[in-house]
PDB file of N, CA and C in Angstrom:
ATOM      1  N   LEU A   1       1.619  -5.845   4.506  1.00  0.00           N
ATOM      2  CA  LEU A   1       1.388  -4.489   4.963  1.00  0.00           C
ATOM      3  C   LEU A   1       0.697  -4.557   6.317  1.00  0.00           C
ATOM      4  N   GLY A   2       0.937  -3.565   7.127  1.00  0.00           N
ATOM      5  CA  GLY A   2       0.281  -3.493   8.427  1.00  0.00           C
ATOM      6  C   GLY A   2       0.538  -2.148   9.073  1.00  0.00           C
ATOM      7  N   TYR A   3      -0.094  -1.918  10.212  1.00  0.00           N
ATOM      8  CA  TYR A   3       0.159  -0.713  10.981  1.00  0.00           C
ATOM      9  C   TYR A   3       1.370  -0.927  11.870  1.00  0.00           C
ATOM     10  N   ALA A   4       2.135   0.117  12.082  1.00  0.00           N
ATOM     11  CA  ALA A   4       3.329   0.033  12.919  1.00  0.00           C
ATOM     12  C   ALA A   4       3.011   0.312  14.385  1.00  0.00           C
ATOM     13  N   TRP A   5       1.764   0.623  14.715  1.00  0.00           N
ATOM     14  CA  TRP A   5       1.396   0.992  16.081  1.00  0.00           C
ATOM     15  C   TRP A   5       0.047   0.385  16.422  1.00  0.00           C
ATOM     16  N   ASP A   6      -0.079  -0.211  17.601  1.00  0.00           N
ATOM     17  CA  ASP A   6      -1.328  -0.864  18.010  1.00  0.00           C
ATOM     18  C   ASP A   6      -2.514   0.089  18.079  1.00  0.00           C
ATOM     19  N   GLY A   7      -2.274   1.373  18.330  1.00  0.00           N
ATOM     20  CA  GLY A   7      -3.357   2.338  18.455  1.00  0.00           C
ATOM     21  C   GLY A   7      -3.947   2.784  17.127  1.00  0.00           C
ATOM     22  N   ALA A   8      -3.354   2.400  16.029  1.00  0.00           N
ATOM     23  CA  ALA A   8      -3.850   2.804  14.712  1.00  0.00           C
ATOM     24  C   ALA A   8      -5.084   1.982  14.373  1.00  0.00           C
ATOM     25  N   ARG A   9      -6.204   2.628  14.296  1.00  0.00           N
ATOM     26  CA  ARG A   9      -7.450   1.883  14.097  1.00  0.00           C
ATOM     27  C   ARG A   9      -8.285   2.365  12.907  1.00  0.00           C
ATOM     28  N   SER A  10      -7.974   3.499  12.332  1.00  0.00           N
ATOM     29  CA  SER A  10      -8.850   4.021  11.281  1.00  0.00           C
ATOM     30  C   SER A  10      -8.050   4.331  10.022  1.00  0.00           C
ATOM     31  N   GLY A  11      -8.769   4.484   8.942  1.00  0.00           N
ATOM     32  CA  GLY A  11      -8.142   4.837   7.683  1.00  0.00           C
ATOM     33  C   GLY A  11      -7.726   3.623   6.885  1.00  0.00           C
ATOM     34  N   HIS A  12      -7.111   3.902   5.754  1.00  0.00           N
ATOM     35  CA  HIS A  12      -6.719   2.855   4.817  1.00  0.00           C
ATOM     36  C   HIS A  12      -5.337   3.146   4.255  1.00  0.00           C
ATOM     37  N   ALA A  13      -4.631   2.091   3.875  1.00  0.00           N
ATOM     38  CA  ALA A  13      -3.428   2.258   3.062  1.00  0.00           C
ATOM     39  C   ALA A  13      -3.896   2.441   1.625  1.00  0.00           C
ATOM     40  N   ILE A  14      -3.268   3.353   0.924  1.00  0.00           N
ATOM     41  CA  ILE A  14      -3.622   3.620  -0.470  1.00  0.00           C
ATOM     42  C   ILE A  14      -2.382   3.372  -1.308  1.00  0.00           C
ATOM     43  N   LEU A  15      -2.503   2.480  -2.277  1.00  0.00           N
ATOM     44  CA  LEU A  15      -1.410   2.181  -3.196  1.00  0.00           C
ATOM     45  C   LEU A  15      -1.839   2.597  -4.592  1.00  0.00           C
ATOM     46  N   GLU A  16      -0.949   3.315  -5.264  1.00  0.00           N
ATOM     47  CA  GLU A  16      -1.234   3.794  -6.618  1.00  0.00           C
ATOM     48  C   GLU A  16      -0.068   3.454  -7.526  1.00  0.00           C
ATOM     49  N   GLY A  17      -0.375   3.017  -8.727  1.00  0.00           N
ATOM     50  CA  GLY A  17       0.636   2.738  -9.733  1.00  0.00           C
ATOM     51  C   GLY A  17       0.502   3.720 -10.872  1.00  0.00           C
ATOM     52  N   TYR A  18       1.633   4.269 -11.315  1.00  0.00           N
ATOM     53  CA  TYR A  18       1.652   5.272 -12.377  1.00  0.00           C
ATOM     54  C   TYR A  18       2.496   4.784 -13.551  1.00  0.00           C
ATOM     55  N   LEU A  19       2.103   5.189 -14.742  1.00  0.00           N
ATOM     56  CA  LEU A  19       2.881   4.943 -15.943  1.00  0.00           C
ATOM     57  C   LEU A  19       2.947   6.245 -16.724  1.00  0.00           C
ATOM     58  N   ASN A  20       4.150   6.741 -16.936  1.00  0.00           N
ATOM     59  CA  ASN A  20       4.374   8.011 -17.640  1.00  0.00           C
ATOM     60  C   ASN A  20       3.608   9.172 -16.997  1.00  0.00           C
ATOM     61  N   GLY A  21       3.566   9.191 -15.656  1.00  0.00           N
ATOM     62  CA  GLY A  21       2.928  10.287 -14.939  1.00  0.00           C
ATOM     63  C   GLY A  21       1.419  10.190 -14.819  1.00  0.00           C
ATOM     64  N   LYS A  22       0.804   9.167 -15.383  1.00  0.00           N
ATOM     65  CA  LYS A  22      -0.648   8.996 -15.328  1.00  0.00           C
ATOM     66  C   LYS A  22      -0.977   7.819 -14.412  1.00  0.00           C
ATOM     67  N   ARG A  23      -1.892   8.046 -13.464  1.00  0.00           N
ATOM     68  CA  ARG A  23      -2.292   6.966 -12.565  1.00  0.00           C
ATOM     69  C   ARG A  23      -3.078   5.921 -13.350  1.00  0.00           C
ATOM     70  N   VAL A  24      -2.607   4.674 -13.274  1.00  0.00           N
ATOM     71  CA  VAL A  24      -3.263   3.588 -14.001  1.00  0.00           C
ATOM     72  C   VAL A  24      -3.856   2.530 -13.057  1.00  0.00           C
ATOM     73  N   HIS A  25      -3.476   2.566 -11.775  1.00  0.00           N
ATOM     74  CA  HIS A  25      -4.003   1.624 -10.784  1.00  0.00           C
ATOM     75  C   HIS A  25      -4.137   2.332  -9.443  1.00  0.00           C
ATOM     76  N   ARG A  26      -5.154   1.923  -8.684  1.00  0.00           N
ATOM     77  CA  ARG A  26      -5.335   2.462  -7.329  1.00  0.00           C
ATOM     78  C   ARG A  26      -6.109   1.452  -6.510  1.00  0.00           C
ATOM     79  N   VAL A  27      -5.659   1.223  -5.281  1.00  0.00           N
ATOM     80  CA  VAL A  27      -6.363   0.312  -4.378  1.00  0.00           C
ATOM     81  C   VAL A  27      -6.270   0.855  -2.957  1.00  0.00           C
ATOM     82  N   ARG A  28      -7.349   0.640  -2.177  1.00  0.00           N
ATOM     83  CA  ARG A  28      -7.382   0.997  -0.755  1.00  0.00           C
ATOM     84  C   ARG A  28      -7.476  -0.291   0.037  1.00  0.00           C
ATOM     85  N   LEU A  29      -6.603  -0.428   1.045  1.00  0.00           N
ATOM     86  CA  LEU A  29      -6.563  -1.647   1.854  1.00  0.00           C
ATOM     87  C   LEU A  29      -6.828  -1.333   3.314  1.00  0.00           C
ATOM     88  N   ASN A  30      -7.682  -2.116   3.958  1.00  0.00           N
ATOM     89  CA  ASN A  30      -7.857  -2.042   5.407  1.00  0.00           C
ATOM     90  C   ASN A  30      -6.690  -2.783   6.043  1.00  0.00           C
ATOM     91  N   LEU A  31      -6.008  -2.154   6.981  1.00  0.00           N
ATOM     92  CA  LEU A  31      -4.844  -2.751   7.632  1.00  0.00           C
ATOM     93  C   LEU A  31      -5.130  -3.020   9.095  1.00  0.00           C
ATOM     94  N   SER A  32      -4.222  -3.777   9.706  1.00  0.00           N
ATOM     95  CA  SER A  32      -4.330  -4.118  11.123  1.00  0.00           C
ATOM     96  C   SER A  32      -2.949  -4.082  11.756  1.00  0.00           C
ATOM     97  N   ALA A  33      -2.896  -3.763  13.040  1.00  0.00           N
ATOM     98  CA  ALA A  33      -1.644  -3.875  13.782  1.00  0.00           C
ATOM     99  C   ALA A  33      -1.472  -5.296  14.302  1.00  0.00           C
ATOM    100  N   GLY A  34      -2.524  -6.092  14.298  1.00  0.00           N
ATOM    101  CA  GLY A  34      -2.476  -7.432  14.855  1.00  0.00           C
ATOM    102  C   GLY A  34      -2.076  -8.523  13.883  1.00  0.00           C
ATOM    103  N   TYR A  35      -2.216  -8.278  12.593  1.00  0.00           N
ATOM    104  CA  TYR A  35      -1.875  -9.291  11.595  1.00  0.00           C
ATOM    105  C   TYR A  35      -1.539  -8.593  10.276  1.00  0.00           C
ATOM    106  N   PRO A  36      -0.694  -9.214   9.468  1.00  0.00           N
ATOM    107  CA  PRO A  36      -0.325  -8.596   8.188  1.00  0.00           C
ATOM    108  C   PRO A  36      -1.412  -8.800   7.134  1.00  0.00           C
ATOM    109  N   VAL A  37      -1.458  -7.898   6.188  1.00  0.00           N
ATOM    110  CA  VAL A  37      -2.332  -8.003   5.029  1.00  0.00           C
ATOM    111  C   VAL A  37      -1.435  -8.202   3.815  1.00  0.00           C
ATOM    112  N   THR A  38      -1.640  -9.291   3.103  1.00  0.00           N
ATOM    113  CA  THR A  38      -0.845  -9.577   1.913  1.00  0.00           C
ATOM    114  C   THR A  38      -1.489  -8.917   0.701  1.00  0.00           C
ATOM    115  N   PHE A  39      -0.677  -8.268  -0.089  1.00  0.00           N
ATOM    116  CA  PHE A  39      -1.156  -7.611  -1.309  1.00  0.00           C
ATOM    117  C   PHE A  39      -0.227  -7.995  -2.451  1.00  0.00           C
ATOM    118  N   MET A  40      -0.757  -8.665  -3.441  1.00  0.00           N
ATOM    119  CA  MET A  40       0.033  -9.118  -4.584  1.00  0.00           C
ATOM    120  C   MET A  40      -0.661  -8.667  -5.870  1.00  0.00           C
ATOM    121  N   PRO A  41      -0.445  -7.413  -6.274  1.00  0.00           N
ATOM    122  CA  PRO A  41      -1.141  -6.908  -7.463  1.00  0.00           C
ATOM    123  C   PRO A  41      -0.588  -7.526  -8.741  1.00  0.00           C
ATOM    124  N   ARG A  42      -1.427  -7.627  -9.718  1.00  0.00           N
ATOM    125  CA  ARG A  42      -1.039  -8.031 -11.067  1.00  0.00           C
ATOM    126  C   ARG A  42      -1.324  -6.840 -11.983  1.00  0.00           C
ATOM    127  N   TRP A  43      -0.604  -5.768 -11.740  1.00  0.00           N
ATOM    128  CA  TRP A  43      -0.886  -4.506 -12.397  1.00  0.00           C
ATOM    129  C   TRP A  43      -0.253  -4.359 -13.772  1.00  0.00           C
ATOM    130  N   GLY A  44       0.644  -5.196 -14.139  1.00  0.00           N
ATOM    131  CA  GLY A  44       1.345  -4.988 -15.398  1.00  0.00           C
ATOM    132  C   GLY A  44       2.415  -3.929 -15.223  1.00  0.00           C
ATOM    133  N   ARG A  45       2.603  -3.125 -16.207  1.00  0.00           N
ATOM    134  CA  ARG A  45       3.720  -2.184 -16.206  1.00  0.00           C
ATOM    135  C   ARG A  45       3.373  -0.875 -15.497  1.00  0.00           C
ATOM    136  N   VAL A  46       4.191  -0.511 -14.526  1.00  0.00           N
ATOM    137  CA  VAL A  46       4.139   0.796 -13.879  1.00  0.00           C
ATOM    138  C   VAL A  46       5.574   1.280 -13.721  1.00  0.00           C
ATOM    139  N   ASP A  47       5.767   2.604 -13.732  1.00  0.00           N
ATOM    140  CA  ASP A  47       7.115   3.140 -13.521  1.00  0.00           C
ATOM    141  C   ASP A  47       7.236   3.911 -12.211  1.00  0.00           C
ATOM    142  N   GLN A  48       6.116   3.978 -11.462  1.00  0.00           N
ATOM    143  CA  GLN A  48       6.144   4.618 -10.145  1.00  0.00           C
ATOM    144  C   GLN A  48       5.080   3.970  -9.270  1.00  0.00           C
ATOM    145  N   LEU A  49       5.451   3.677  -8.022  1.00  0.00           N
ATOM    146  CA  LEU A  49       4.534   3.130  -7.037  1.00  0.00           C
ATOM    147  C   LEU A  49       4.474   4.093  -5.860  1.00  0.00           C
ATOM    148  N   VAL A  50       3.271   4.490  -5.475  1.00  0.00           N
ATOM    149  CA  VAL A  50       3.071   5.412  -4.351  1.00  0.00           C
ATOM    150  C   VAL A  50       2.280   4.686  -3.275  1.00  0.00           C
ATOM    151  N   LEU A  51       2.785   4.727  -2.045  1.00  0.00           N
ATOM    152  CA  LEU A  51       2.113   4.143  -0.890  1.00  0.00           C
ATOM    153  C   LEU A  51       1.898   5.251   0.125  1.00  0.00           C
ATOM    154  N   ARG A  52       0.658   5.446   0.547  1.00  0.00           N
ATOM    155  CA  ARG A  52       0.359   6.462   1.551  1.00  0.00           C
ATOM    156  C   ARG A  52      -0.796   5.985   2.409  1.00  0.00           C
ATOM    157  N   HIS A  53      -1.137   6.761   3.414  1.00  0.00           N
ATOM    158  CA  HIS A  53      -2.234   6.428   4.308  1.00  0.00           C
ATOM    159  C   HIS A  53      -3.288   7.521   4.240  1.00  0.00           C
ATOM    160  N   SER A  54      -4.535   7.142   4.376  1.00  0.00           N
ATOM    161  CA  SER A  54      -5.627   8.107   4.238  1.00  0.00           C
ATOM    162  C   SER A  54      -5.703   9.097   5.391  1.00  0.00           C
ATOM    163  N   THR A  55      -5.089   8.790   6.544  1.00  0.00           N
ATOM    164  CA  THR A  55      -5.052   9.761   7.631  1.00  0.00           C
ATOM    165  C   THR A  55      -3.596  10.130   7.900  1.00  0.00           C
ATOM    166  N   TYR A  56      -3.018   9.641   8.973  1.00  0.00           N
ATOM    167  CA  TYR A  56      -1.635  10.013   9.263  1.00  0.00           C
ATOM    168  C   TYR A  56      -0.843   8.866   9.893  1.00  0.00           C
ATOM    169  N   TRP A  57      -1.378   7.677   9.968  1.00  0.00           N
ATOM    170  CA  TRP A  57      -0.687   6.557  10.609  1.00  0.00           C
ATOM    171  C   TRP A  57       0.474   6.078   9.757  1.00  0.00           C
ATOM    172  N   GLN A  58       1.431   5.468  10.426  1.00  0.00           N
ATOM    173  CA  GLN A  58       2.544   4.846   9.710  1.00  0.00           C
ATOM    174  C   GLN A  58       2.100   3.486   9.181  1.00  0.00           C
ATOM    175  N   VAL A  59       2.616   3.141   8.014  1.00  0.00           N
ATOM    176  CA  VAL A  59       2.321   1.844   7.412  1.00  0.00           C
ATOM    177  C   VAL A  59       3.623   1.048   7.362  1.00  0.00           C
ATOM    178  N   LEU A  60       3.556  -0.204   7.782  1.00  0.00           N
ATOM    179  CA  LEU A  60       4.708  -1.085   7.794  1.00  0.00           C
ATOM    180  C   LEU A  60       4.688  -1.957   6.532  1.00  0.00           C
ATOM    181  N   VAL A  61       5.810  -1.982   5.815  1.00  0.00           N
ATOM    182  CA  VAL A  61       5.949  -2.822   4.627  1.00  0.00           C
ATOM    183  C   VAL A  61       7.082  -3.812   4.886  1.00  0.00           C
ATOM    184  N   ASP A  62       6.807  -5.079   4.659  1.00  0.00           N
ATOM    185  CA  ASP A  62       7.813  -6.111   4.876  1.00  0.00           C
ATOM    186  C   ASP A  62       7.803  -7.068   3.692  1.00  0.00           C
ATOM    187  N   ASP A  63       8.973  -7.582   3.340  1.00  0.00           N
ATOM    188  CA  ASP A  63       9.120  -8.581   2.290  1.00  0.00           C
ATOM    189  C   ASP A  63       8.610  -8.047   0.943  1.00  0.00           C
ATOM    190  N   PHE A  64       9.035  -6.849   0.589  1.00  0.00           N
ATOM    191  CA  PHE A  64       8.654  -6.217  -0.663  1.00  0.00           C
ATOM    192  C   PHE A  64       9.528  -6.759  -1.798  1.00  0.00           C
ATOM    193  N   THR A  65       8.899  -7.195  -2.868  1.00  0.00           N
ATOM    194  CA  THR A  65       9.619  -7.686  -4.037  1.00  0.00           C
ATOM    195  C   THR A  65       9.041  -7.045  -5.286  1.00  0.00           C
ATOM    196  N   TYR A  66       9.918  -6.545  -6.132  1.00  0.00           N
ATOM    197  CA  TYR A  66       9.509  -5.964  -7.408  1.00  0.00           C
ATOM    198  C   TYR A  66      10.065  -6.823  -8.528  1.00  0.00           C
ATOM    199  N   THR A  67       9.216  -7.186  -9.472  1.00  0.00           N
ATOM    200  CA  THR A  67       9.674  -7.914 -10.655  1.00  0.00           C
ATOM    201  C   THR A  67       9.192  -7.195 -11.882  1.00  0.00           C
ATOM    202  N   ASP A  68      10.030  -7.174 -12.881  1.00  0.00           N
ATOM    203  CA  ASP A  68       9.712  -6.455 -14.113  1.00  0.00           C
ATOM    204  C   ASP A  68       9.464  -7.435 -15.235  1.00  0.00           C
TER     205      ASP A  68
END
């Protein structure tokens, strides 16, 4: 994960995992435009993943893999 723009300096990426409509996991990550941040959760079973930013910056996702 990372920022898509060098000027993005504030806020956090927020990832949430849901199961049957109920949030069961949540994490906030500090990101950078200069280097990637690796995130490898061991959340168990979720049926929905939500990725958003705490302000309005774009978040870059690369090499995403889902395993069930």
